[in-house]
PDB file of N, CA and C in Angstrom:
ATOM      1  N   MET A   1    -150.920 173.840  42.086  1.00  0.00           N
ATOM      2  CA  MET A   1    -149.690 173.295  42.627  1.00  0.00           C
ATOM      3  C   MET A   1    -149.810 171.777  42.634  1.00  0.00           C
ATOM      4  N   GLY A   2    -148.746 171.083  42.218  1.00  0.00           N
ATOM      5  CA  GLY A   2    -148.755 169.629  42.167  1.00  0.00           C
ATOM      6  C   GLY A   2    -148.648 169.002  43.546  1.00  0.00           C
ATOM      7  N   LYS A   3    -148.890 167.720  43.596  1.00  0.00           N
ATOM      8  CA  LYS A   3    -148.880 166.996  44.867  1.00  0.00           C
ATOM      9  C   LYS A   3    -147.513 167.060  45.549  1.00  0.00           C
ATOM     10  N   ILE A   4    -146.436 166.869  44.781  1.00  0.00           N
ATOM     11  CA  ILE A   4    -145.090 166.896  45.351  1.00  0.00           C
ATOM     12  C   ILE A   4    -144.762 168.296  45.868  1.00  0.00           C
ATOM     13  N   GLU A   5    -145.058 169.320  45.096  1.00  0.00           N
ATOM     14  CA  GLU A   5    -144.788 170.689  45.524  1.00  0.00           C
ATOM     15  C   GLU A   5    -145.594 171.048  46.769  1.00  0.00           C
ATOM     16  N   ASP A   6    -146.843 170.593  46.830  1.00  0.00           N
ATOM     17  CA  ASP A   6    -147.683 170.824  48.001  1.00  0.00           C
ATOM     18  C   ASP A   6    -147.087 170.136  49.220  1.00  0.00           C
ATOM     19  N   SER A   7    -146.614 168.916  49.038  1.00  0.00           N
ATOM     20  CA  SER A   7    -145.988 168.187  50.139  1.00  0.00           C
ATOM     21  C   SER A   7    -144.736 168.907  50.625  1.00  0.00           C
ATOM     22  N   LEU A   8    -143.944 169.425  49.703  1.00  0.00           N
ATOM     23  CA  LEU A   8    -142.733 170.144  50.088  1.00  0.00           C
ATOM     24  C   LEU A   8    -143.045 171.402  50.878  1.00  0.00           C
ATOM     25  N   SER A   9    -144.063 172.139  50.476  1.00  0.00           N
ATOM     26  CA  SER A   9    -144.397 173.355  51.206  1.00  0.00           C
ATOM     27  C   SER A   9    -144.860 173.036  52.622  1.00  0.00           C
ATOM     28  N   LYS A  10    -145.579 171.950  52.802  1.00  0.00           N
ATOM     29  CA  LYS A  10    -146.001 171.535  54.144  1.00  0.00           C
ATOM     30  C   LYS A  10    -144.799 171.167  55.001  1.00  0.00           C
ATOM     31  N   ARG A  11    -143.783 170.553  54.407  1.00  0.00           N
ATOM     32  CA  ARG A  11    -142.598 170.142  55.141  1.00  0.00           C
ATOM     33  C   ARG A  11    -141.829 171.351  55.656  1.00  0.00           C
ATOM     34  N   HIS A  12    -141.801 172.415  54.865  1.00  0.00           N
ATOM     35  CA  HIS A  12    -141.113 173.622  55.312  1.00  0.00           C
ATOM     36  C   HIS A  12    -141.839 174.242  56.509  1.00  0.00           C
ATOM     37  N   LEU A  13    -143.146 174.155  56.517  1.00  0.00           N
ATOM     38  CA  LEU A  13    -143.927 174.778  57.586  1.00  0.00           C
ATOM     39  C   LEU A  13    -143.910 173.971  58.880  1.00  0.00           C
ATOM     40  N   ALA A  14    -143.984 172.644  58.778  1.00  0.00           N
ATOM     41  CA  ALA A  14    -144.085 171.817  59.986  1.00  0.00           C
ATOM     42  C   ALA A  14    -143.397 170.472  59.786  1.00  0.00           C
ATOM     43  N   PRO A  15    -142.054 170.432  59.831  1.00  0.00           N
ATOM     44  CA  PRO A  15    -141.356 169.172  59.581  1.00  0.00           C
ATOM     45  C   PRO A  15    -141.626 168.102  60.634  1.00  0.00           C
ATOM     46  N   GLN A  16    -142.155 168.478  61.785  1.00  0.00           N
ATOM     47  CA  GLN A  16    -142.433 167.507  62.834  1.00  0.00           C
ATOM     48  C   GLN A  16    -143.763 166.779  62.637  1.00  0.00           C
ATOM     49  N   ASN A  17    -144.583 167.203  61.692  1.00  0.00           N
ATOM     50  CA  ASN A  17    -145.903 166.599  61.486  1.00  0.00           C
ATOM     51  C   ASN A  17    -146.050 165.933  60.126  1.00  0.00           C
ATOM     52  N   ILE A  18    -144.975 165.358  59.603  1.00  0.00           N
ATOM     53  CA  ILE A  18    -144.994 164.771  58.277  1.00  0.00           C
ATOM     54  C   ILE A  18    -145.121 163.253  58.376  1.00  0.00           C
ATOM     55  N   GLN A  19    -146.024 162.707  57.595  1.00  0.00           N
ATOM     56  CA  GLN A  19    -146.193 161.259  57.540  1.00  0.00           C
ATOM     57  C   GLN A  19    -145.006 160.645  56.797  1.00  0.00           C
ATOM     58  N   PHE A  20    -144.535 159.497  57.268  1.00  0.00           N
ATOM     59  CA  PHE A  20    -143.408 158.810  56.651  1.00  0.00           C
ATOM     60  C   PHE A  20    -143.698 158.476  55.190  1.00  0.00           C
ATOM     61  N   LYS A  21    -144.912 158.010  54.906  1.00  0.00           N
ATOM     62  CA  LYS A  21    -145.253 157.629  53.525  1.00  0.00           C
ATOM     63  C   LYS A  21    -145.207 158.836  52.593  1.00  0.00           C
ATOM     64  N   ASP A  22    -145.555 160.025  53.091  1.00  0.00           N
ATOM     65  CA  ASP A  22    -145.486 161.234  52.274  1.00  0.00           C
ATOM     66  C   ASP A  22    -144.040 161.617  51.982  1.00  0.00           C
ATOM     67  N   LEU A  23    -143.181 161.491  52.988  1.00  0.00           N
ATOM     68  CA  LEU A  23    -141.766 161.785  52.776  1.00  0.00           C
ATOM     69  C   LEU A  23    -141.157 160.777  51.805  1.00  0.00           C
ATOM     70  N   CYS A  24    -141.576 159.526  51.881  1.00  0.00           N
ATOM     71  CA  CYS A  24    -141.113 158.509  50.929  1.00  0.00           C
ATOM     72  C   CYS A  24    -141.487 158.901  49.506  1.00  0.00           C
ATOM     73  N   SER A  25    -142.682 159.400  49.307  1.00  0.00           N
ATOM     74  CA  SER A  25    -143.125 159.819  47.974  1.00  0.00           C
ATOM     75  C   SER A  25    -142.257 160.939  47.424  1.00  0.00           C
ATOM     76  N   VAL A  26    -141.927 161.896  48.265  1.00  0.00           N
ATOM     77  CA  VAL A  26    -141.081 163.009  47.845  1.00  0.00           C
ATOM     78  C   VAL A  26    -139.679 162.499  47.504  1.00  0.00           C
ATOM     79  N   CYS A  27    -139.133 161.643  48.359  1.00  0.00           N
ATOM     80  CA  CYS A  27    -137.794 161.103  48.116  1.00  0.00           C
ATOM     81  C   CYS A  27    -137.770 160.243  46.849  1.00  0.00           C
ATOM     82  N   ASP A  28    -138.800 159.433  46.640  1.00  0.00           N
ATOM     83  CA  ASP A  28    -138.886 158.622  45.412  1.00  0.00           C
ATOM     84  C   ASP A  28    -138.881 159.525  44.183  1.00  0.00           C
ATOM     85  N   HIS A  29    -139.589 160.636  44.273  1.00  0.00           N
ATOM     86  CA  HIS A  29    -139.681 161.570  43.155  1.00  0.00           C
ATOM     87  C   HIS A  29    -138.323 162.194  42.836  1.00  0.00           C
ATOM     88  N   TYR A  30    -137.615 162.655  43.853  1.00  0.00           N
ATOM     89  CA  TYR A  30    -136.362 163.362  43.640  1.00  0.00           C
ATOM     90  C   TYR A  30    -135.145 162.464  43.508  1.00  0.00           C
ATOM     91  N   PHE A  31    -135.105 161.352  44.221  1.00  0.00           N
ATOM     92  CA  PHE A  31    -133.895 160.525  44.281  1.00  0.00           C
ATOM     93  C   PHE A  31    -134.048 159.152  43.625  1.00  0.00           C
ATOM     94  N   GLY A  32    -135.239 158.833  43.153  1.00  0.00           N
ATOM     95  CA  GLY A  32    -135.474 157.518  42.576  1.00  0.00           C
ATOM     96  C   GLY A  32    -135.831 156.516  43.666  1.00  0.00           C
ATOM     97  N   GLU A  33    -135.939 155.279  43.274  1.00  0.00           N
ATOM     98  CA  GLU A  33    -136.328 154.234  44.226  1.00  0.00           C
ATOM     99  C   GLU A  33    -135.241 154.053  45.289  1.00  0.00           C
ATOM    100  N   ALA A  34    -135.661 153.822  46.512  1.00  0.00           N
ATOM    101  CA  ALA A  34    -134.720 153.621  47.617  1.00  0.00           C
ATOM    102  C   ALA A  34    -133.891 152.370  47.372  1.00  0.00           C
ATOM    103  N   ARG A  35    -132.600 152.447  47.679  1.00  0.00           N
ATOM    104  CA  ARG A  35    -131.758 151.269  47.493  1.00  0.00           C
ATOM    105  C   ARG A  35    -131.925 150.291  48.642  1.00  0.00           C
ATOM    106  N   GLN A  36    -132.428 150.768  49.762  1.00  0.00           N
ATOM    107  CA  GLN A  36    -132.778 149.884  50.881  1.00  0.00           C
ATOM    108  C   GLN A  36    -134.160 150.281  51.354  1.00  0.00           C
ATOM    109  N   GLN A  37    -135.055 149.297  51.476  1.00  0.00           N
ATOM    110  CA  GLN A  37    -136.421 149.581  51.895  1.00  0.00           C
ATOM    111  C   GLN A  37    -136.877 148.694  53.042  1.00  0.00           C
ATOM    112  N   GLY A  38    -136.039 147.824  53.522  1.00  0.00           N
ATOM    113  CA  GLY A  38    -136.452 146.907  54.577  1.00  0.00           C
ATOM    114  C   GLY A  38    -136.494 147.585  55.931  1.00  0.00           C
ATOM    115  N   GLY A  39    -137.339 147.088  56.770  1.00  0.00           N
ATOM    116  CA  GLY A  39    -137.424 147.605  58.128  1.00  0.00           C
ATOM    117  C   GLY A  39    -137.989 149.006  58.197  1.00  0.00           C
ATOM    118  N   SER A  40    -137.500 149.772  59.155  1.00  0.00           N
ATOM    119  CA  SER A  40    -138.038 151.101  59.390  1.00  0.00           C
ATOM    120  C   SER A  40    -137.284 152.185  58.631  1.00  0.00           C
ATOM    121  N   HIS A  41    -136.195 151.830  57.940  1.00  0.00           N
ATOM    122  CA  HIS A  41    -135.384 152.816  57.229  1.00  0.00           C
ATOM    123  C   HIS A  41    -135.521 152.674  55.722  1.00  0.00           C
ATOM    124  N   ARG A  42    -135.339 153.799  55.038  1.00  0.00           N
ATOM    125  CA  ARG A  42    -135.205 153.807  53.571  1.00  0.00           C
ATOM    126  C   ARG A  42    -133.988 154.659  53.259  1.00  0.00           C
ATOM    127  N   ILE A  43    -133.138 154.158  52.374  1.00  0.00           N
ATOM    128  CA  ILE A  43    -131.908 154.861  52.027  1.00  0.00           C
ATOM    129  C   ILE A  43    -131.930 155.165  50.540  1.00  0.00           C
ATOM    130  N   TYR A  44    -131.694 156.433  50.208  1.00  0.00           N
ATOM    131  CA  TYR A  44    -131.703 156.915  48.829  1.00  0.00           C
ATOM    132  C   TYR A  44    -130.310 157.389  48.436  1.00  0.00           C
ATOM    133  N   LYS A  45    -129.927 157.113  47.199  1.00  0.00           N
ATOM    134  CA  LYS A  45    -128.654 157.568  46.658  1.00  0.00           C
ATOM    135  C   LYS A  45    -128.817 158.980  46.100  1.00  0.00           C
ATOM    136  N   THR A  46    -127.778 159.791  46.285  1.00  0.00           N
ATOM    137  CA  THR A  46    -127.768 161.147  45.749  1.00  0.00           C
ATOM    138  C   THR A  46    -126.629 161.280  44.746  1.00  0.00           C
ATOM    139  N   PRO A  47    -126.677 162.259  43.842  1.00  0.00           N
ATOM    140  CA  PRO A  47    -125.680 162.340  42.769  1.00  0.00           C
ATOM    141  C   PRO A  47    -124.337 162.953  43.156  1.00  0.00           C
ATOM    142  N   TRP A  48    -124.172 163.487  44.360  1.00  0.00           N
ATOM    143  CA  TRP A  48    -122.910 164.148  44.700  1.00  0.00           C
ATOM    144  C   TRP A  48    -121.969 163.192  45.433  1.00  0.00           C
ATOM    145  N   PRO A  49    -120.657 163.473  45.353  1.00  0.00           N
ATOM    146  CA  PRO A  49    -119.678 162.638  46.042  1.00  0.00           C
ATOM    147  C   PRO A  49    -119.696 162.908  47.546  1.00  0.00           C
ATOM    148  N   GLY A  50    -119.016 162.081  48.270  1.00  0.00           N
ATOM    149  CA  GLY A  50    -119.005 162.206  49.724  1.00  0.00           C
ATOM    150  C   GLY A  50    -119.949 161.185  50.309  1.00  0.00           C
ATOM    151  N   ASP A  51    -120.787 161.608  51.192  1.00  0.00           N
ATOM    152  CA  ASP A  51    -121.768 160.709  51.789  1.00  0.00           C
ATOM    153  C   ASP A  51    -122.998 160.728  50.892  1.00  0.00           C
ATOM    154  N   PRO A  52    -123.038 159.858  49.892  1.00  0.00           N
ATOM    155  CA  PRO A  52    -124.073 159.966  48.852  1.00  0.00           C
ATOM    156  C   PRO A  52    -125.378 159.266  49.217  1.00  0.00           C
ATOM    157  N   ARG A  53    -126.017 159.714  50.290  1.00  0.00           N
ATOM    158  CA  ARG A  53    -127.281 159.074  50.612  1.00  0.00           C
ATOM    159  C   ARG A  53    -128.177 159.985  51.436  1.00  0.00           C
ATOM    160  N   VAL A  54    -129.443 159.665  51.356  1.00  0.00           N
ATOM    161  CA  VAL A  54    -130.460 160.275  52.204  1.00  0.00           C
ATOM    162  C   VAL A  54    -131.087 159.111  52.958  1.00  0.00           C
ATOM    163  N   ASN A  55    -131.120 159.206  54.259  1.00  0.00           N
ATOM    164  CA  ASN A  55    -131.629 158.129  55.099  1.00  0.00           C
ATOM    165  C   ASN A  55    -132.845 158.649  55.865  1.00  0.00           C
ATOM    166  N   ILE A  56    -133.989 157.999  55.687  1.00  0.00           N
ATOM    167  CA  ILE A  56    -135.180 158.401  56.432  1.00  0.00           C
ATOM    168  C   ILE A  56    -135.697 157.205  57.222  1.00  0.00           C
ATOM    169  N   GLN A  57    -136.381 157.495  58.305  1.00  0.00           N
ATOM    170  CA  GLN A  57    -136.793 156.463  59.237  1.00  0.00           C
ATOM    171  C   GLN A  57    -138.264 156.627  59.612  1.00  0.00           C
ATOM    172  N   ASN A  58    -138.950 155.496  59.647  1.00  0.00           N
ATOM    173  CA  ASN A  58    -140.350 155.475  60.058  1.00  0.00           C
ATOM    174  C   ASN A  58    -140.425 155.430  61.580  1.00  0.00           C
ATOM    175  N   ASP A  59    -141.060 156.430  62.161  1.00  0.00           N
ATOM    176  CA  ASP A  59    -141.223 156.506  63.613  1.00  0.00           C
ATOM    177  C   ASP A  59    -142.714 156.474  63.932  1.00  0.00           C
ATOM    178  N   LYS A  60    -143.266 155.271  63.953  1.00  0.00           N
ATOM    179  CA  LYS A  60    -144.698 155.066  64.241  1.00  0.00           C
ATOM    180  C   LYS A  60    -145.580 155.813  63.240  1.00  0.00           C
ATOM    181  N   GLY A  61    -145.201 155.729  61.965  1.00  0.00           N
ATOM    182  CA  GLY A  61    -145.991 156.354  60.907  1.00  0.00           C
ATOM    183  C   GLY A  61    -145.584 157.771  60.568  1.00  0.00           C
ATOM    184  N   LYS A  62    -144.759 158.388  61.370  1.00  0.00           N
ATOM    185  CA  LYS A  62    -144.298 159.759  61.135  1.00  0.00           C
ATOM    186  C   LYS A  62    -142.835 159.743  60.718  1.00  0.00           C
ATOM    187  N   ALA A  63    -142.443 160.775  60.010  1.00  0.00           N
ATOM    188  CA  ALA A  63    -141.035 160.975  59.673  1.00  0.00           C
ATOM    189  C   ALA A  63    -140.395 161.781  60.799  1.00  0.00           C
ATOM    190  N   LYS A  64    -139.126 161.533  61.050  1.00  0.00           N
ATOM    191  CA  LYS A  64    -138.418 162.291  62.074  1.00  0.00           C
ATOM    192  C   LYS A  64    -138.129 163.691  61.526  1.00  0.00           C
ATOM    193  N   ALA A  65    -138.373 164.704  62.345  1.00  0.00           N
ATOM    194  CA  ALA A  65    -138.265 166.105  61.898  1.00  0.00           C
ATOM    195  C   ALA A  65    -136.873 166.433  61.375  1.00  0.00           C
ATOM    196  N   TYR A  66    -135.829 165.953  62.055  1.00  0.00           N
ATOM    197  CA  TYR A  66    -134.482 166.282  61.595  1.00  0.00           C
ATOM    198  C   TYR A  66    -134.195 165.642  60.240  1.00  0.00           C
ATOM    199  N   GLN A  67    -134.797 164.484  59.966  1.00  0.00           N
ATOM    200  CA  GLN A  67    -134.615 163.839  58.672  1.00  0.00           C
ATOM    201  C   GLN A  67    -135.393 164.567  57.572  1.00  0.00           C
ATOM    202  N   VAL A  68    -136.545 165.110  57.912  1.00  0.00           N
ATOM    203  CA  VAL A  68    -137.298 165.920  56.952  1.00  0.00           C
ATOM    204  C   VAL A  68    -136.448 167.120  56.549  1.00  0.00           C
ATOM    205  N   LYS A  69    -135.815 167.770  57.516  1.00  0.00           N
ATOM    206  CA  LYS A  69    -134.956 168.918  57.229  1.00  0.00           C
ATOM    207  C   LYS A  69    -133.768 168.501  56.364  1.00  0.00           C
ATOM    208  N   GLN A  70    -133.193 167.324  56.621  1.00  0.00           N
ATOM    209  CA  GLN A  70    -132.082 166.833  55.813  1.00  0.00           C
ATOM    210  C   GLN A  70    -132.526 166.584  54.371  1.00  0.00           C
ATOM    211  N   VAL A  71    -133.717 166.032  54.195  1.00  0.00           N
ATOM    212  CA  VAL A  71    -134.253 165.789  52.855  1.00  0.00           C
ATOM    213  C   VAL A  71    -134.437 167.116  52.126  1.00  0.00           C
ATOM    214  N   LEU A  72    -134.986 168.106  52.798  1.00  0.00           N
ATOM    215  CA  LEU A  72    -135.190 169.418  52.173  1.00  0.00           C
ATOM    216  C   LEU A  72    -133.858 170.038  51.737  1.00  0.00           C
ATOM    217  N   LEU A  73    -132.832 169.901  52.577  1.00  0.00           N
ATOM    218  CA  LEU A  73    -131.514 170.424  52.219  1.00  0.00           C
ATOM    219  C   LEU A  73    -130.931 169.660  51.031  1.00  0.00           C
ATOM    220  N   ALA A  74    -131.119 168.354  51.002  1.00  0.00           N
ATOM    221  CA  ALA A  74    -130.624 167.543  49.888  1.00  0.00           C
ATOM    222  C   ALA A  74    -131.333 167.913  48.585  1.00  0.00           C
ATOM    223  N   ILE A  75    -132.633 168.141  48.652  1.00  0.00           N
ATOM    224  CA  ILE A  75    -133.388 168.546  47.464  1.00  0.00           C
ATOM    225  C   ILE A  75    -132.895 169.907  46.976  1.00  0.00           C
ATOM    226  N   GLU A  76    -132.693 170.828  47.897  1.00  0.00           N
ATOM    227  CA  GLU A  76    -132.204 172.154  47.530  1.00  0.00           C
ATOM    228  C   GLU A  76    -130.820 172.056  46.881  1.00  0.00           C
ATOM    229  N   LYS A  77    -129.931 171.267  47.474  1.00  0.00           N
ATOM    230  CA  LYS A  77    -128.592 171.073  46.914  1.00  0.00           C
ATOM    231  C   LYS A  77    -128.677 170.462  45.516  1.00  0.00           C
ATOM    232  N   MET A  78    -129.558 169.496  45.349  1.00  0.00           N
ATOM    233  CA  MET A  78    -129.713 168.836  44.070  1.00  0.00           C
ATOM    234  C   MET A  78    -130.231 169.816  43.014  1.00  0.00           C
ATOM    235  N   GLU A  79    -131.200 170.636  43.379  1.00  0.00           N
ATOM    236  CA  GLU A  79    -131.767 171.600  42.433  1.00  0.00           C
ATOM    237  C   GLU A  79    -130.735 172.650  42.029  1.00  0.00           C
ATOM    238  N   VAL A  80    -129.931 173.117  42.978  1.00  0.00           N
ATOM    239  CA  VAL A  80    -128.936 174.143  42.700  1.00  0.00           C
ATOM    240  C   VAL A  80    -127.801 173.583  41.843  1.00  0.00           C
ATOM    241  N   ASN A  81    -127.321 172.403  42.184  1.00  0.00           N
ATOM    242  CA  ASN A  81    -126.134 171.850  41.529  1.00  0.00           C
ATOM    243  C   ASN A  81    -126.417 170.954  40.331  1.00  0.00           C
ATOM    244  N   TYR A  82    -127.594 170.375  40.251  1.00  0.00           N
ATOM    245  CA  TYR A  82    -127.845 169.365  39.221  1.00  0.00           C
ATOM    246  C   TYR A  82    -129.124 169.619  38.421  1.00  0.00           C
ATOM    247  N   GLY A  83    -129.734 170.762  38.550  1.00  0.00           N
ATOM    248  CA  GLY A  83    -130.971 171.066  37.845  1.00  0.00           C
ATOM    249  C   GLY A  83    -132.156 170.907  38.759  1.00  0.00           C
ATOM    250  N   THR A  84    -133.356 171.038  38.215  1.00  0.00           N
ATOM    251  CA  THR A  84    -134.567 171.065  39.036  1.00  0.00           C
ATOM    252  C   THR A  84    -134.969 169.712  39.588  1.00  0.00           C
ATOM    253  N   GLU A  85    -134.870 168.662  38.793  1.00  0.00           N
ATOM    254  CA  GLU A  85    -135.270 167.332  39.260  1.00  0.00           C
ATOM    255  C   GLU A  85    -134.328 166.308  38.686  1.00  0.00           C
ATOM    256  N   LYS A  86    -134.426 165.073  39.186  1.00  0.00           N
ATOM    257  CA  LYS A  86    -133.529 164.003  38.725  1.00  0.00           C
ATOM    258  C   LYS A  86    -133.654 163.700  37.275  1.00  0.00           C
TER     259      LYS A  86
END
């Protein structure tokens, strides 16, 4: 299993224990480079209309659990509607 796939499986099991840098790696892989990287937030563009972004926040080195779940849903939506990866 690759590093990204391994990271994704860990996120499904325990979204509250994910390092922010690991979530950034997954988002970079699926959504490309963040359009905003300053401060504690990173914002990624998504290919669908509407609210076309994924927003993640650094909380003392950890990712916020609800944002991890949002990223997983965005990845699932992207895979279903736009193919497996970007």
